[in-house]
């Protein structure tokens, strides 16, 4: 049995589930909302066992051979948000979610991706070190609460962007003259500043060694929020593709979304590795069979 754990309207989750069904795989979809309203128990007696009792039926994960896990923060689910913090329903939802995450880390089944392996994304500085170790160039960076350090960094590089240091999605923005008027606000929150690297953005998805490259042309600093963005399939140099596979495996991931930029001089910079990529935007634009590749990986273990 192949388990898919997430939300039914999440595009990547829906795409992988549909691809598995096209393969006639024995797939069981576990709606995170339903799981949060249920209960589960876990025991160890030579092997990990977790049985989840749901409204519809019981799900015994001892029969699971592979899993695609893409849950959201359970505290943000509507039913959990409505429950008073600390109430029995609130505590049960968090307990079930944590036990499923523990199962995903400890099970012998193939998991795309294990929660423990995804933890590096919670710290951009730590991940940057992993990227350098894999041979990627990374932008010159400082993390600071000192306005004077920011001004000196900008003086050195002329054009600078800033972003969050956590795994929470943030908009990358340029540190313009107008934004410098509020530079003292940096005292209240450690912020990451980087040299602005010119060039063409690339998004690379790696599925167990299979590489799908896409180039993104846009009119913005952060193409995800640009007025216009054009995505097309792109062939990567062999050494860049191999480096993407290497860093994915080094992080303990089977599936990754890697953000690169190729400069006009041909140098490749790496900004981030997403361990739970929202790949459907790129798949729709390029026609690349990313969901099918994930489904094949899971089905081969079933």
C-alpha atoms as a PDB file:
ATOM      1  CA  UNK A   1       0.000   0.000   0.000  1.00  0.00           C
ATOM      2  CA  UNK A   2       1.142   3.550  -0.813  1.00  0.00           C
ATOM      3  CA  UNK A   3       0.106   6.292   1.597  1.00  0.00           C
ATOM      4  CA  UNK A   4      -0.472   9.889   0.512  1.00  0.00           C
ATOM      5  CA  UNK A   5      -0.852  12.227   3.488  1.00  0.00           C
ATOM      6  CA  UNK A   6      -1.882  15.834   2.939  1.00  0.00           C
ATOM      7  CA  UNK A   7      -4.792  18.017   1.852  1.00  0.00           C
ATOM      8  CA  UNK A   8      -6.928  17.017  -1.149  1.00  0.00           C
ATOM      9  CA  UNK A   9      -6.941  20.486  -2.756  1.00  0.00           C
ATOM     10  CA  UNK A  10      -3.180  20.936  -2.506  1.00  0.00           C
ATOM     11  CA  UNK A  11      -2.060  20.807  -6.175  1.00  0.00           C
ATOM     12  CA  UNK A  12       1.153  18.747  -5.713  1.00  0.00           C
ATOM     13  CA  UNK A  13      -0.628  16.255  -3.457  1.00  0.00           C
ATOM     14  CA  UNK A  14      -3.493  15.929  -5.928  1.00  0.00           C
ATOM     15  CA  UNK A  15      -1.079  15.538  -8.868  1.00  0.00           C
ATOM     16  CA  UNK A  16       0.912  12.741  -7.236  1.00  0.00           C
ATOM     17  CA  UNK A  17      -2.274  10.963  -6.131  1.00  0.00           C
ATOM     18  CA  UNK A  18      -3.689  11.120  -9.663  1.00  0.00           C
ATOM     19  CA  UNK A  19      -0.420   9.843 -11.145  1.00  0.00           C
ATOM     20  CA  UNK A  20      -0.420   6.903  -8.729  1.00  0.00           C
ATOM     21  CA  UNK A  21      -3.976   6.017  -9.687  1.00  0.00           C
ATOM     22  CA  UNK A  22      -3.051   6.108 -13.358  1.00  0.00           C
ATOM     23  CA  UNK A  23      -0.457   3.463 -12.507  1.00  0.00           C
ATOM     24  CA  UNK A  24      -3.199   1.379 -10.822  1.00  0.00           C
ATOM     25  CA  UNK A  25      -1.205   1.540  -7.604  1.00  0.00           C
ATOM     26  CA  UNK A  26      -2.734   0.526  -4.290  1.00  0.00           C
ATOM     27  CA  UNK A  27      -2.911   4.067  -2.949  1.00  0.00           C
ATOM     28  CA  UNK A  28      -4.613   5.257   0.233  1.00  0.00           C
ATOM     29  CA  UNK A  29      -5.178   8.978   0.606  1.00  0.00           C
ATOM     30  CA  UNK A  30      -5.119  10.249   4.181  1.00  0.00           C
ATOM     31  CA  UNK A  31      -6.796  13.640   4.417  1.00  0.00           C
ATOM     32  CA  UNK A  32      -4.915  15.604   7.068  1.00  0.00           C
ATOM     33  CA  UNK A  33      -8.176  17.196   8.214  1.00  0.00           C
ATOM     34  CA  UNK A  34      -9.716  13.793   8.901  1.00  0.00           C
ATOM     35  CA  UNK A  35      -6.585  12.531  10.634  1.00  0.00           C
ATOM     36  CA  UNK A  36      -6.560  15.564  12.915  1.00  0.00           C
ATOM     37  CA  UNK A  37     -10.076  14.696  14.054  1.00  0.00           C
ATOM     38  CA  UNK A  38      -9.199  11.065  14.768  1.00  0.00           C
ATOM     39  CA  UNK A  39      -6.846   9.306  17.138  1.00  0.00           C
ATOM     40  CA  UNK A  40      -3.894   6.955  16.856  1.00  0.00           C
ATOM     41  CA  UNK A  41      -1.613   4.721  18.876  1.00  0.00           C
ATOM     42  CA  UNK A  42       1.967   3.654  18.293  1.00  0.00           C
ATOM     43  CA  UNK A  43       3.962   0.801  19.783  1.00  0.00           C
ATOM     44  CA  UNK A  44       7.305  -0.863  19.242  1.00  0.00           C
ATOM     45  CA  UNK A  45       7.830  -4.638  19.458  1.00  0.00           C
ATOM     46  CA  UNK A  46      10.491  -5.359  16.926  1.00  0.00           C
ATOM     47  CA  UNK A  47       8.898  -3.138  14.300  1.00  0.00           C
ATOM     48  CA  UNK A  48       7.114   0.169  14.218  1.00  0.00           C
ATOM     49  CA  UNK A  49       3.338  -0.086  14.293  1.00  0.00           C
ATOM     50  CA  UNK A  50       0.890   2.743  13.985  1.00  0.00           C
ATOM     51  CA  UNK A  51      -2.845   2.310  13.550  1.00  0.00           C
ATOM     52  CA  UNK A  52      -4.987   5.342  12.907  1.00  0.00           C
ATOM     53  CA  UNK A  53      -8.672   5.138  13.777  1.00  0.00           C
ATOM     54  CA  UNK A  54     -10.714   7.391  11.515  1.00  0.00           C
ATOM     55  CA  UNK A  55     -14.400   8.038  11.086  1.00  0.00           C
ATOM     56  CA  UNK A  56     -14.553   5.915   7.923  1.00  0.00           C
ATOM     57  CA  UNK A  57     -12.251   3.018   8.783  1.00  0.00           C
ATOM     58  CA  UNK A  58      -8.984   1.975  10.383  1.00  0.00           C
ATOM     59  CA  UNK A  59      -5.682   2.551   8.673  1.00  0.00           C
ATOM     60  CA  UNK A  60      -2.927   0.137   9.691  1.00  0.00           C
ATOM     61  CA  UNK A  61       0.357   1.533   8.455  1.00  0.00           C
ATOM     62  CA  UNK A  62       2.186  -1.770   8.878  1.00  0.00           C
ATOM     63  CA  UNK A  63       1.049  -2.551   5.323  1.00  0.00           C
ATOM     64  CA  UNK A  64       2.523   0.673   3.931  1.00  0.00           C
ATOM     65  CA  UNK A  65       5.544   0.250   1.638  1.00  0.00           C
ATOM     66  CA  UNK A  66       5.892   3.838   0.434  1.00  0.00           C
ATOM     67  CA  UNK A  67       4.493   7.258   1.335  1.00  0.00           C
ATOM     68  CA  UNK A  68       4.260  10.764  -0.084  1.00  0.00           C
ATOM     69  CA  UNK A  69       3.889  13.162   2.840  1.00  0.00           C
ATOM     70  CA  UNK A  70       2.999  16.817   2.345  1.00  0.00           C
ATOM     71  CA  UNK A  71       1.069  17.943   5.431  1.00  0.00           C
ATOM     72  CA  UNK A  72       0.495  21.570   6.345  1.00  0.00           C
ATOM     73  CA  UNK A  73       0.871  23.113   9.796  1.00  0.00           C
ATOM     74  CA  UNK A  74      -1.935  21.306  11.595  1.00  0.00           C
ATOM     75  CA  UNK A  75      -2.561  24.372  13.783  1.00  0.00           C
ATOM     76  CA  UNK A  76      -3.660  26.275  10.654  1.00  0.00           C
ATOM     77  CA  UNK A  77      -6.391  23.792   9.706  1.00  0.00           C
ATOM     78  CA  UNK A  78      -9.810  25.458  10.152  1.00  0.00           C
ATOM     79  CA  UNK A  79     -11.147  22.876  12.629  1.00  0.00           C
ATOM     80  CA  UNK A  80      -8.018  23.122  14.771  1.00  0.00           C
ATOM     81  CA  UNK A  81      -7.974  26.925  14.649  1.00  0.00           C
ATOM     82  CA  UNK A  82     -11.552  26.955  15.897  1.00  0.00           C
ATOM     83  CA  UNK A  83     -10.647  24.792  18.896  1.00  0.00           C
ATOM     84  CA  UNK A  84      -9.361  26.739  21.909  1.00  0.00           C
ATOM     85  CA  UNK A  85      -5.593  26.473  22.258  1.00  0.00           C
ATOM     86  CA  UNK A  86      -4.790  23.709  24.739  1.00  0.00           C
ATOM     87  CA  UNK A  87      -8.266  22.177  24.567  1.00  0.00           C
ATOM     88  CA  UNK A  88      -8.636  18.356  24.247  1.00  0.00           C
ATOM     89  CA  UNK A  89      -9.495  18.628  20.518  1.00  0.00           C
ATOM     90  CA  UNK A  90      -6.536  20.928  19.895  1.00  0.00           C
ATOM     91  CA  UNK A  91      -4.151  18.640  21.783  1.00  0.00           C
ATOM     92  CA  UNK A  92      -5.457  15.528  20.025  1.00  0.00           C
ATOM     93  CA  UNK A  93      -4.937  17.084  16.578  1.00  0.00           C
ATOM     94  CA  UNK A  94      -1.337  18.001  17.398  1.00  0.00           C
ATOM     95  CA  UNK A  95      -0.691  14.573  18.920  1.00  0.00           C
ATOM     96  CA  UNK A  96      -1.990  12.699  15.883  1.00  0.00           C
ATOM     97  CA  UNK A  97      -0.025  14.931  13.517  1.00  0.00           C
ATOM     98  CA  UNK A  98       3.186  14.450  15.505  1.00  0.00           C
ATOM     99  CA  UNK A  99       2.742  10.683  15.679  1.00  0.00           C
ATOM    100  CA  UNK A 100       2.266  10.496  11.917  1.00  0.00           C
ATOM    101  CA  UNK A 101       5.400  12.600  11.440  1.00  0.00           C
ATOM    102  CA  UNK A 102       7.295  10.301  13.842  1.00  0.00           C
ATOM    103  CA  UNK A 103       6.075   7.293  11.865  1.00  0.00           C
ATOM    104  CA  UNK A 104       7.282   8.905   8.631  1.00  0.00           C
ATOM    105  CA  UNK A 105      10.743   9.335  10.163  1.00  0.00           C
ATOM    106  CA  UNK A 106      11.009   5.850  11.676  1.00  0.00           C
ATOM    107  CA  UNK A 107       9.232   3.540   9.253  1.00  0.00           C
ATOM    108  CA  UNK A 108      11.134   1.174   6.966  1.00  0.00           C
ATOM    109  CA  UNK A 109       8.851   2.295   4.125  1.00  0.00           C
ATOM    110  CA  UNK A 110      10.195   4.609   1.436  1.00  0.00           C
ATOM    111  CA  UNK A 111       9.079   8.147   2.354  1.00  0.00           C
ATOM    112  CA  UNK A 112       9.091  11.199   0.076  1.00  0.00           C
ATOM    113  CA  UNK A 113      10.365  13.040   2.082  1.00  0.00           C
ATOM    114  CA  UNK A 114      11.057  12.168   5.707  1.00  0.00           C
ATOM    115  CA  UNK A 115      10.290  15.102   8.046  1.00  0.00           C
ATOM    116  CA  UNK A 116      13.738  14.902   9.652  1.00  0.00           C
ATOM    117  CA  UNK A 117      15.403  15.307   6.249  1.00  0.00           C
ATOM    118  CA  UNK A 118      13.270  18.374   5.520  1.00  0.00           C
ATOM    119  CA  UNK A 119      14.448  20.140   8.682  1.00  0.00           C
ATOM    120  CA  UNK A 120      17.416  21.842   6.982  1.00  0.00           C
ATOM    121  CA  UNK A 121      14.987  24.185   5.227  1.00  0.00           C
ATOM    122  CA  UNK A 122      14.128  25.737   8.601  1.00  0.00           C
ATOM    123  CA  UNK A 123      17.528  27.450   8.663  1.00  0.00           C
ATOM    124  CA  UNK A 124      18.743  29.213   5.548  1.00  0.00           C
ATOM    125  CA  UNK A 125      22.290  29.742   6.964  1.00  0.00           C
ATOM    126  CA  UNK A 126      22.667  26.026   7.690  1.00  0.00           C
ATOM    127  CA  UNK A 127      21.392  25.125   4.248  1.00  0.00           C
ATOM    128  CA  UNK A 128      23.786  27.595   2.618  1.00  0.00           C
ATOM    129  CA  UNK A 129      26.684  25.712   4.193  1.00  0.00           C
ATOM    130  CA  UNK A 130      25.359  22.461   2.713  1.00  0.00           C
ATOM    131  CA  UNK A 131      25.134  24.111  -0.697  1.00  0.00           C
ATOM    132  CA  UNK A 132      28.738  25.294  -0.520  1.00  0.00           C
ATOM    133  CA  UNK A 133      29.838  21.810   0.551  1.00  0.00           C
ATOM    134  CA  UNK A 134      28.155  20.444  -2.592  1.00  0.00           C
ATOM    135  CA  UNK A 135      30.209  22.811  -4.759  1.00  0.00           C
ATOM    136  CA  UNK A 136      27.610  25.487  -5.482  1.00  0.00           C
ATOM    137  CA  UNK A 137      28.377  29.192  -5.429  1.00  0.00           C
ATOM    138  CA  UNK A 138      26.174  31.053  -2.939  1.00  0.00           C
ATOM    139  CA  UNK A 139      25.680  34.830  -2.720  1.00  0.00           C
ATOM    140  CA  UNK A 140      27.736  36.788  -0.226  1.00  0.00           C
ATOM    141  CA  UNK A 141      25.478  36.959   2.833  1.00  0.00           C
ATOM    142  CA  UNK A 142      25.172  38.543   6.242  1.00  0.00           C
ATOM    143  CA  UNK A 143      22.592  37.911   8.956  1.00  0.00           C
ATOM    144  CA  UNK A 144      22.388  40.792  11.369  1.00  0.00           C
ATOM    145  CA  UNK A 145      20.389  43.111  13.604  1.00  0.00           C
ATOM    146  CA  UNK A 146      22.960  45.890  13.185  1.00  0.00           C
ATOM    147  CA  UNK A 147      21.886  48.722  10.830  1.00  0.00           C
ATOM    148  CA  UNK A 148      25.498  49.879  10.418  1.00  0.00           C
ATOM    149  CA  UNK A 149      26.535  46.408   9.245  1.00  0.00           C
ATOM    150  CA  UNK A 150      23.752  46.479   6.667  1.00  0.00           C
ATOM    151  CA  UNK A 151      24.855  49.879   5.375  1.00  0.00           C
ATOM    152  CA  UNK A 152      28.456  48.701   5.057  1.00  0.00           C
ATOM    153  CA  UNK A 153      27.351  45.551   3.253  1.00  0.00           C
ATOM    154  CA  UNK A 154      25.292  47.597   0.809  1.00  0.00           C
ATOM    155  CA  UNK A 155      28.187  49.971   0.240  1.00  0.00           C
ATOM    156  CA  UNK A 156      30.346  46.988  -0.704  1.00  0.00           C
ATOM    157  CA  UNK A 157      27.858  45.352  -3.095  1.00  0.00           C
ATOM    158  CA  UNK A 158      25.772  48.362  -4.253  1.00  0.00           C
ATOM    159  CA  UNK A 159      22.698  46.214  -4.886  1.00  0.00           C
ATOM    160  CA  UNK A 160      21.417  44.029  -2.031  1.00  0.00           C
ATOM    161  CA  UNK A 161      18.317  41.929  -1.365  1.00  0.00           C
ATOM    162  CA  UNK A 162      16.869  40.790   1.951  1.00  0.00           C
ATOM    163  CA  UNK A 163      14.776  37.827   3.052  1.00  0.00           C
ATOM    164  CA  UNK A 164      13.750  35.706   6.024  1.00  0.00           C
ATOM    165  CA  UNK A 165      16.275  33.306   7.551  1.00  0.00           C
ATOM    166  CA  UNK A 166      13.606  30.749   8.486  1.00  0.00           C
ATOM    167  CA  UNK A 167      11.765  28.145   6.434  1.00  0.00           C
ATOM    168  CA  UNK A 168       8.669  30.349   6.324  1.00  0.00           C
ATOM    169  CA  UNK A 169       8.065  31.648   2.825  1.00  0.00           C
ATOM    170  CA  UNK A 170       8.964  35.314   2.403  1.00  0.00           C
ATOM    171  CA  UNK A 171       9.177  37.745  -0.505  1.00  0.00           C
ATOM    172  CA  UNK A 172      12.702  38.559  -1.642  1.00  0.00           C
ATOM    173  CA  UNK A 173      12.997  42.336  -2.001  1.00  0.00           C
ATOM    174  CA  UNK A 174      15.750  44.753  -2.971  1.00  0.00           C
ATOM    175  CA  UNK A 175      17.086  47.092  -0.324  1.00  0.00           C
ATOM    176  CA  UNK A 176      16.232  50.347  -2.090  1.00  0.00           C
ATOM    177  CA  UNK A 177      16.810  53.910  -0.941  1.00  0.00           C
ATOM    178  CA  UNK A 178      13.176  54.103   0.156  1.00  0.00           C
ATOM    179  CA  UNK A 179      13.490  50.962   2.281  1.00  0.00           C
ATOM    180  CA  UNK A 180      16.691  52.260   3.836  1.00  0.00           C
ATOM    181  CA  UNK A 181      14.554  54.867   5.593  1.00  0.00           C
ATOM    182  CA  UNK A 182      13.363  52.033   7.873  1.00  0.00           C
ATOM    183  CA  UNK A 183      16.737  50.368   8.363  1.00  0.00           C
ATOM    184  CA  UNK A 184      16.571  50.782  12.154  1.00  0.00           C
ATOM    185  CA  UNK A 185      13.732  48.228  12.192  1.00  0.00           C
ATOM    186  CA  UNK A 186      16.307  45.514  11.591  1.00  0.00           C
ATOM    187  CA  UNK A 187      17.276  45.800  15.258  1.00  0.00           C
ATOM    188  CA  UNK A 188      14.102  43.888  16.156  1.00  0.00           C
ATOM    189  CA  UNK A 189      14.551  40.832  13.957  1.00  0.00           C
ATOM    190  CA  UNK A 190      17.629  39.015  12.583  1.00  0.00           C
ATOM    191  CA  UNK A 191      17.428  39.428   8.821  1.00  0.00           C
ATOM    192  CA  UNK A 192      19.363  37.906   5.936  1.00  0.00           C
ATOM    193  CA  UNK A 193      20.938  40.272   3.418  1.00  0.00           C
ATOM    194  CA  UNK A 194      22.574  39.054   0.209  1.00  0.00           C
ATOM    195  CA  UNK A 195      24.351  40.560  -2.753  1.00  0.00           C
ATOM    196  CA  UNK A 196      22.004  40.799  -5.719  1.00  0.00           C
ATOM    197  CA  UNK A 197      23.174  38.239  -8.276  1.00  0.00           C
ATOM    198  CA  UNK A 198      22.140  39.131 -11.848  1.00  0.00           C
ATOM    199  CA  UNK A 199      21.066  36.464 -14.289  1.00  0.00           C
ATOM    200  CA  UNK A 200      18.361  34.003 -15.282  1.00  0.00           C
ATOM    201  CA  UNK A 201      16.488  32.033 -12.643  1.00  0.00           C
ATOM    202  CA  UNK A 202      16.241  28.267 -12.914  1.00  0.00           C
ATOM    203  CA  UNK A 203      14.094  25.853 -10.952  1.00  0.00           C
ATOM    204  CA  UNK A 204      15.386  22.295 -10.875  1.00  0.00           C
ATOM    205  CA  UNK A 205      13.404  19.334  -9.592  1.00  0.00           C
ATOM    206  CA  UNK A 206      15.273  16.176  -8.664  1.00  0.00           C
ATOM    207  CA  UNK A 207      13.371  12.915  -8.257  1.00  0.00           C
ATOM    208  CA  UNK A 208      15.729  10.164  -7.073  1.00  0.00           C
ATOM    209  CA  UNK A 209      18.424  11.135  -9.556  1.00  0.00           C
ATOM    210  CA  UNK A 210      16.113  12.202 -12.381  1.00  0.00           C
ATOM    211  CA  UNK A 211      16.552  15.928 -13.153  1.00  0.00           C
ATOM    212  CA  UNK A 212      13.953  18.333 -14.549  1.00  0.00           C
ATOM    213  CA  UNK A 213      15.232  21.828 -15.327  1.00  0.00           C
ATOM    214  CA  UNK A 214      13.184  24.960 -16.000  1.00  0.00           C
ATOM    215  CA  UNK A 215      14.298  28.506 -16.845  1.00  0.00           C
ATOM    216  CA  UNK A 216      12.300  31.490 -15.601  1.00  0.00           C
ATOM    217  CA  UNK A 217      12.395  34.902 -17.259  1.00  0.00           C
ATOM    218  CA  UNK A 218      10.663  37.632 -15.263  1.00  0.00           C
ATOM    219  CA  UNK A 219      10.542  41.361 -14.610  1.00  0.00           C
ATOM    220  CA  UNK A 220      10.923  41.108 -10.830  1.00  0.00           C
ATOM    221  CA  UNK A 221      13.507  40.454  -8.126  1.00  0.00           C
ATOM    222  CA  UNK A 222      11.373  37.537  -6.903  1.00  0.00           C
ATOM    223  CA  UNK A 223       9.724  35.934  -9.944  1.00  0.00           C
ATOM    224  CA  UNK A 224       7.067  34.290  -7.769  1.00  0.00           C
ATOM    225  CA  UNK A 225       5.563  37.758  -7.281  1.00  0.00           C
ATOM    226  CA  UNK A 226       6.591  39.380 -10.568  1.00  0.00           C
ATOM    227  CA  UNK A 227       4.133  41.045 -12.951  1.00  0.00           C
ATOM    228  CA  UNK A 228       5.232  38.723 -15.753  1.00  0.00           C
ATOM    229  CA  UNK A 229       7.126  35.436 -15.655  1.00  0.00           C
ATOM    230  CA  UNK A 230       7.792  32.975 -18.461  1.00  0.00           C
ATOM    231  CA  UNK A 231       8.769  29.396 -17.614  1.00  0.00           C
ATOM    232  CA  UNK A 232      10.320  27.049 -20.154  1.00  0.00           C
ATOM    233  CA  UNK A 233      12.097  23.701 -20.091  1.00  0.00           C
ATOM    234  CA  UNK A 234      15.872  24.066 -19.791  1.00  0.00           C
ATOM    235  CA  UNK A 235      18.773  21.695 -20.277  1.00  0.00           C
ATOM    236  CA  UNK A 236      21.366  22.018 -17.523  1.00  0.00           C
ATOM    237  CA  UNK A 237      25.105  21.497 -17.937  1.00  0.00           C
ATOM    238  CA  UNK A 238      26.006  17.989 -16.792  1.00  0.00           C
ATOM    239  CA  UNK A 239      28.064  19.202 -13.851  1.00  0.00           C
ATOM    240  CA  UNK A 240      25.223  21.409 -12.587  1.00  0.00           C
ATOM    241  CA  UNK A 241      22.695  18.583 -12.890  1.00  0.00           C
ATOM    242  CA  UNK A 242      25.047  16.230 -11.047  1.00  0.00           C
ATOM    243  CA  UNK A 243      25.543  18.804  -8.317  1.00  0.00           C
ATOM    244  CA  UNK A 244      21.767  19.072  -7.885  1.00  0.00           C
ATOM    245  CA  UNK A 245      21.526  15.301  -7.458  1.00  0.00           C
ATOM    246  CA  UNK A 246      24.465  15.303  -5.047  1.00  0.00           C
ATOM    247  CA  UNK A 247      23.052  17.982  -2.741  1.00  0.00           C
ATOM    248  CA  UNK A 248      19.604  16.360  -2.780  1.00  0.00           C
ATOM    249  CA  UNK A 249      21.053  13.046  -1.639  1.00  0.00           C
ATOM    250  CA  UNK A 250      23.367  14.722   0.882  1.00  0.00           C
ATOM    251  CA  UNK A 251      20.304  16.244   2.536  1.00  0.00           C
ATOM    252  CA  UNK A 252      18.645  12.824   2.743  1.00  0.00           C
ATOM    253  CA  UNK A 253      15.959  13.789   0.230  1.00  0.00           C
ATOM    254  CA  UNK A 254      14.406  11.759  -2.574  1.00  0.00           C
ATOM    255  CA  UNK A 255      12.586  14.742  -4.090  1.00  0.00           C
ATOM    256  CA  UNK A 256      13.687  18.373  -4.125  1.00  0.00           C
ATOM    257  CA  UNK A 257      13.073  21.726  -5.775  1.00  0.00           C
ATOM    258  CA  UNK A 258      16.301  23.706  -6.190  1.00  0.00           C
ATOM    259  CA  UNK A 259      16.493  27.439  -6.936  1.00  0.00           C
ATOM    260  CA  UNK A 260      19.456  28.440  -9.118  1.00  0.00           C
ATOM    261  CA  UNK A 261      20.526  31.492 -11.078  1.00  0.00           C
ATOM    262  CA  UNK A 262      22.852  31.538 -14.062  1.00  0.00           C
ATOM    263  CA  UNK A 263      24.810  34.776 -14.383  1.00  0.00           C
ATOM    264  CA  UNK A 264      25.613  36.401 -17.741  1.00  0.00           C
ATOM    265  CA  UNK A 265      29.172  35.039 -17.373  1.00  0.00           C
ATOM    266  CA  UNK A 266      27.873  31.468 -16.996  1.00  0.00           C
ATOM    267  CA  UNK A 267      28.382  31.035 -13.263  1.00  0.00           C
ATOM    268  CA  UNK A 268      25.683  29.078 -11.386  1.00  0.00           C
ATOM    269  CA  UNK A 269      24.521  30.253  -7.963  1.00  0.00           C
ATOM    270  CA  UNK A 270      22.253  28.237  -5.682  1.00  0.00           C
ATOM    271  CA  UNK A 271      19.849  29.988  -3.316  1.00  0.00           C
ATOM    272  CA  UNK A 272      17.767  27.264  -1.732  1.00  0.00           C
ATOM    273  CA  UNK A 273      16.679  23.626  -1.741  1.00  0.00           C
ATOM    274  CA  UNK A 274      12.968  23.127  -1.126  1.00  0.00           C
ATOM    275  CA  UNK A 275      12.330  19.685   0.446  1.00  0.00           C
ATOM    276  CA  UNK A 276       8.581  19.745  -0.273  1.00  0.00           C
ATOM    277  CA  UNK A 277       8.389  21.534  -3.621  1.00  0.00           C
ATOM    278  CA  UNK A 278       5.217  22.959  -5.107  1.00  0.00           C
ATOM    279  CA  UNK A 279       6.162  21.587  -8.486  1.00  0.00           C
ATOM    280  CA  UNK A 280       2.842  21.820 -10.331  1.00  0.00           C
ATOM    281  CA  UNK A 281       3.417  25.424 -11.466  1.00  0.00           C
ATOM    282  CA  UNK A 282       6.553  24.345 -13.356  1.00  0.00           C
ATOM    283  CA  UNK A 283       5.041  21.068 -14.555  1.00  0.00           C
ATOM    284  CA  UNK A 284       2.086  22.916 -16.078  1.00  0.00           C
ATOM    285  CA  UNK A 285       4.358  25.406 -17.828  1.00  0.00           C
ATOM    286  CA  UNK A 286       6.871  22.904 -19.234  1.00  0.00           C
ATOM    287  CA  UNK A 287       4.899  19.669 -19.586  1.00  0.00           C
ATOM    288  CA  UNK A 288       7.589  17.830 -17.627  1.00  0.00           C
ATOM    289  CA  UNK A 289       6.221  14.622 -16.012  1.00  0.00           C
ATOM    290  CA  UNK A 290       7.352  15.418 -12.469  1.00  0.00           C
ATOM    291  CA  UNK A 291       4.298  13.927 -10.724  1.00  0.00           C
ATOM    292  CA  UNK A 292       4.696  10.759 -12.795  1.00  0.00           C
ATOM    293  CA  UNK A 293       8.350  10.475 -11.746  1.00  0.00           C
ATOM    294  CA  UNK A 294       7.379  10.741  -8.069  1.00  0.00           C
ATOM    295  CA  UNK A 295       4.592   8.207  -8.563  1.00  0.00           C
ATOM    296  CA  UNK A 296       6.946   5.721 -10.255  1.00  0.00           C
ATOM    297  CA  UNK A 297       9.417   6.086  -7.401  1.00  0.00           C
ATOM    298  CA  UNK A 298       6.685   5.292  -4.880  1.00  0.00           C
ATOM    299  CA  UNK A 299       5.125   2.493  -6.916  1.00  0.00           C
ATOM    300  CA  UNK A 300       8.455   0.714  -7.383  1.00  0.00           C
ATOM    301  CA  UNK A 301       8.535   0.150  -3.614  1.00  0.00           C
ATOM    302  CA  UNK A 302       4.968  -1.123  -3.334  1.00  0.00           C
END
